[in-house]
Amino acid sequence: MKLPKIIFGISVVLLLVYSGVLLMKYPFVAETIPIHYTAEGPDGFGNKIFLWLGVAVNALLLVFIGWIIWLPQKMFSKNDDYLETSPEKAIKNRQIVLSVVSVIVTLIFCGLSLKEIIP
């Protein structure tokens, strides 16, 4: 049960570090930033407050994923139709997958706007 929580903790730490960097660099970010890209480059622009939207969406996703990891009995039924040898092993495997997904989601959200805050 520790491994999923450790991996999930990595995503929380990444989000907190990114939020701290954004907070420190926010006054120096240009007022208008690209918020949409195509193959040719940016084609949509918005206010720099949109940088915090990514943090908020990422935090909401982490809350949802964390809820599933910490309270698996609410999300997964304990029946015998799992491919694993036991329901406990099946639930643990799903928790590990969800915690890895949380790290990937956090890296994507943080990476999308990192270019705007660190020139």
Protein backbone atom coordinates (compact mmCIF):
# COMPACT_ATOMS: atom_id res chain seq x y z
CA MET A 1 0.00 0.00 0.00
CA LYS A 2 2.98 2.32 0.38
CA LEU A 3 4.19 2.32 -3.24
CA PRO A 4 1.08 3.98 -4.74
CA LYS A 5 1.14 6.67 -2.06
CA ILE A 6 4.85 7.35 -2.60
CA ILE A 7 4.38 7.66 -6.36
CA PHE A 8 1.31 9.84 -5.87
CA GLY A 9 3.31 11.98 -3.44
CA ILE A 10 5.80 12.67 -6.23
CA SER A 11 3.04 14.23 -8.32
CA VAL A 12 1.90 16.36 -5.37
CA VAL A 13 5.47 17.55 -4.74
CA LEU A 14 5.89 18.34 -8.46
CA LEU A 15 2.72 20.42 -8.43
CA LEU A 16 3.78 22.28 -5.29
CA VAL A 17 7.25 23.03 -6.70
CA TYR A 18 5.73 24.21 -9.97
CA SER A 19 3.23 26.40 -8.09
CA GLY A 20 6.08 27.91 -6.07
CA VAL A 21 8.10 28.67 -9.18
CA LEU A 22 5.03 30.18 -10.84
CA LEU A 23 4.34 32.29 -7.76
CA MET A 24 7.91 33.64 -7.76
CA LYS A 25 8.08 34.27 -11.52
CA TYR A 26 4.49 35.49 -11.99
CA PRO A 27 5.27 39.23 -11.73
CA PHE A 28 7.84 38.88 -14.51
CA VAL A 29 5.60 36.97 -16.96
CA ALA A 30 4.27 38.97 -19.91
CA GLU A 31 0.64 40.08 -19.53
CA THR A 32 -0.37 38.33 -22.76
CA ILE A 33 0.72 34.75 -23.24
CA PRO A 34 -0.01 32.09 -25.86
CA ILE A 35 -2.74 29.75 -24.67
CA HIS A 36 -3.31 27.71 -27.83
CA TYR A 37 -0.84 26.25 -30.30
CA THR A 38 -1.07 24.75 -33.77
CA ALA A 39 1.63 23.25 -35.96
CA GLU A 40 2.56 26.75 -37.11
CA GLY A 41 2.94 28.05 -33.56
CA PRO A 42 0.72 29.98 -31.16
CA ASP A 43 -2.61 31.13 -32.55
CA GLY A 44 -4.54 31.98 -29.38
CA PHE A 45 -3.52 34.43 -26.69
CA GLY A 46 -4.84 35.27 -23.25
CA ASN A 47 -4.03 36.85 -19.94
CA LYS A 48 -1.27 35.38 -17.77
CA ILE A 49 -3.90 34.39 -15.20
CA PHE A 50 -4.50 31.35 -17.42
CA LEU A 51 -1.29 29.89 -15.99
CA TRP A 52 -3.13 29.36 -12.71
CA LEU A 53 -5.97 27.58 -14.51
CA GLY A 54 -3.60 24.72 -15.32
CA VAL A 55 -2.57 24.51 -11.67
CA ALA A 56 -6.22 24.42 -10.57
CA VAL A 57 -7.23 21.73 -13.07
CA ASN A 58 -4.18 19.66 -12.16
CA ALA A 59 -4.99 20.00 -8.45
CA LEU A 60 -8.59 18.89 -9.04
CA LEU A 61 -7.41 15.84 -10.96
CA LEU A 62 -4.95 14.99 -8.18
CA VAL A 63 -7.72 15.26 -5.58
CA PHE A 64 -9.89 12.87 -7.59
CA ILE A 65 -7.06 10.38 -8.21
CA GLY A 66 -5.93 10.66 -4.59
CA TRP A 67 -9.46 9.92 -3.41
CA ILE A 68 -9.46 6.72 -5.46
CA ILE A 69 -6.03 5.70 -4.16
CA TRP A 70 -6.81 6.36 -0.48
CA LEU A 71 -10.36 4.98 -0.53
CA PRO A 72 -10.27 2.07 -2.99
CA GLN A 73 -13.16 0.26 -1.33
CA LYS A 74 -15.47 3.05 -2.56
CA MET A 75 -14.30 2.66 -6.17
CA PHE A 76 -13.50 -1.01 -6.67
CA SER A 77 -15.74 -3.92 -5.77
CA LYS A 78 -14.27 -6.98 -4.09
CA ASN A 79 -15.51 -9.72 -6.36
CA ASP A 80 -13.64 -12.58 -7.99
CA ASP A 81 -13.68 -11.51 -11.62
CA TYR A 82 -10.22 -9.91 -11.62
CA LEU A 83 -7.38 -11.27 -13.72
CA GLU A 84 -5.05 -11.10 -10.72
CA THR A 85 -4.83 -13.86 -8.10
CA SER A 86 -6.73 -11.87 -5.46
CA PRO A 87 -8.95 -8.78 -5.26
CA GLU A 88 -6.39 -7.08 -2.99
CA LYS A 89 -3.65 -7.52 -5.60
CA ALA A 90 -5.98 -6.23 -8.31
CA ILE A 91 -6.80 -3.12 -6.29
CA LYS A 92 -3.12 -2.50 -5.51
CA ASN A 93 -2.24 -2.78 -9.22
CA ARG A 94 -4.92 -0.25 -10.09
CA GLN A 95 -3.66 2.09 -7.37
CA ILE A 96 -0.14 1.89 -8.79
CA VAL A 97 -1.39 2.61 -12.30
CA LEU A 98 -3.43 5.59 -11.07
CA SER A 99 -0.48 6.99 -9.14
CA VAL A 100 1.74 6.74 -12.22
CA VAL A 101 -1.00 8.44 -14.25
CA SER A 102 -1.05 11.25 -11.66
CA VAL A 103 2.69 11.83 -12.16
CA ILE A 104 2.29 11.87 -15.96
CA VAL A 105 -0.67 14.27 -15.78
CA THR A 106 1.27 16.61 -13.49
CA LEU A 107 4.32 16.56 -15.76
CA ILE A 108 2.14 17.39 -18.76
CA PHE A 109 0.29 20.23 -17.03
CA CYS A 110 3.47 21.74 -15.61
CA GLY A 111 5.40 21.29 -18.83
CA LEU A 112 2.79 23.00 -20.97
CA SER A 113 3.32 26.41 -19.44
CA LEU A 114 6.88 26.13 -18.17
CA LYS A 115 8.12 27.84 -21.32
CA GLU A 116 6.08 30.93 -20.44
CA ILE A 117 7.39 31.34 -16.90
CA ILE A 118 11.03 30.40 -17.45
CA PRO A 119 12.34 32.14 -20.58
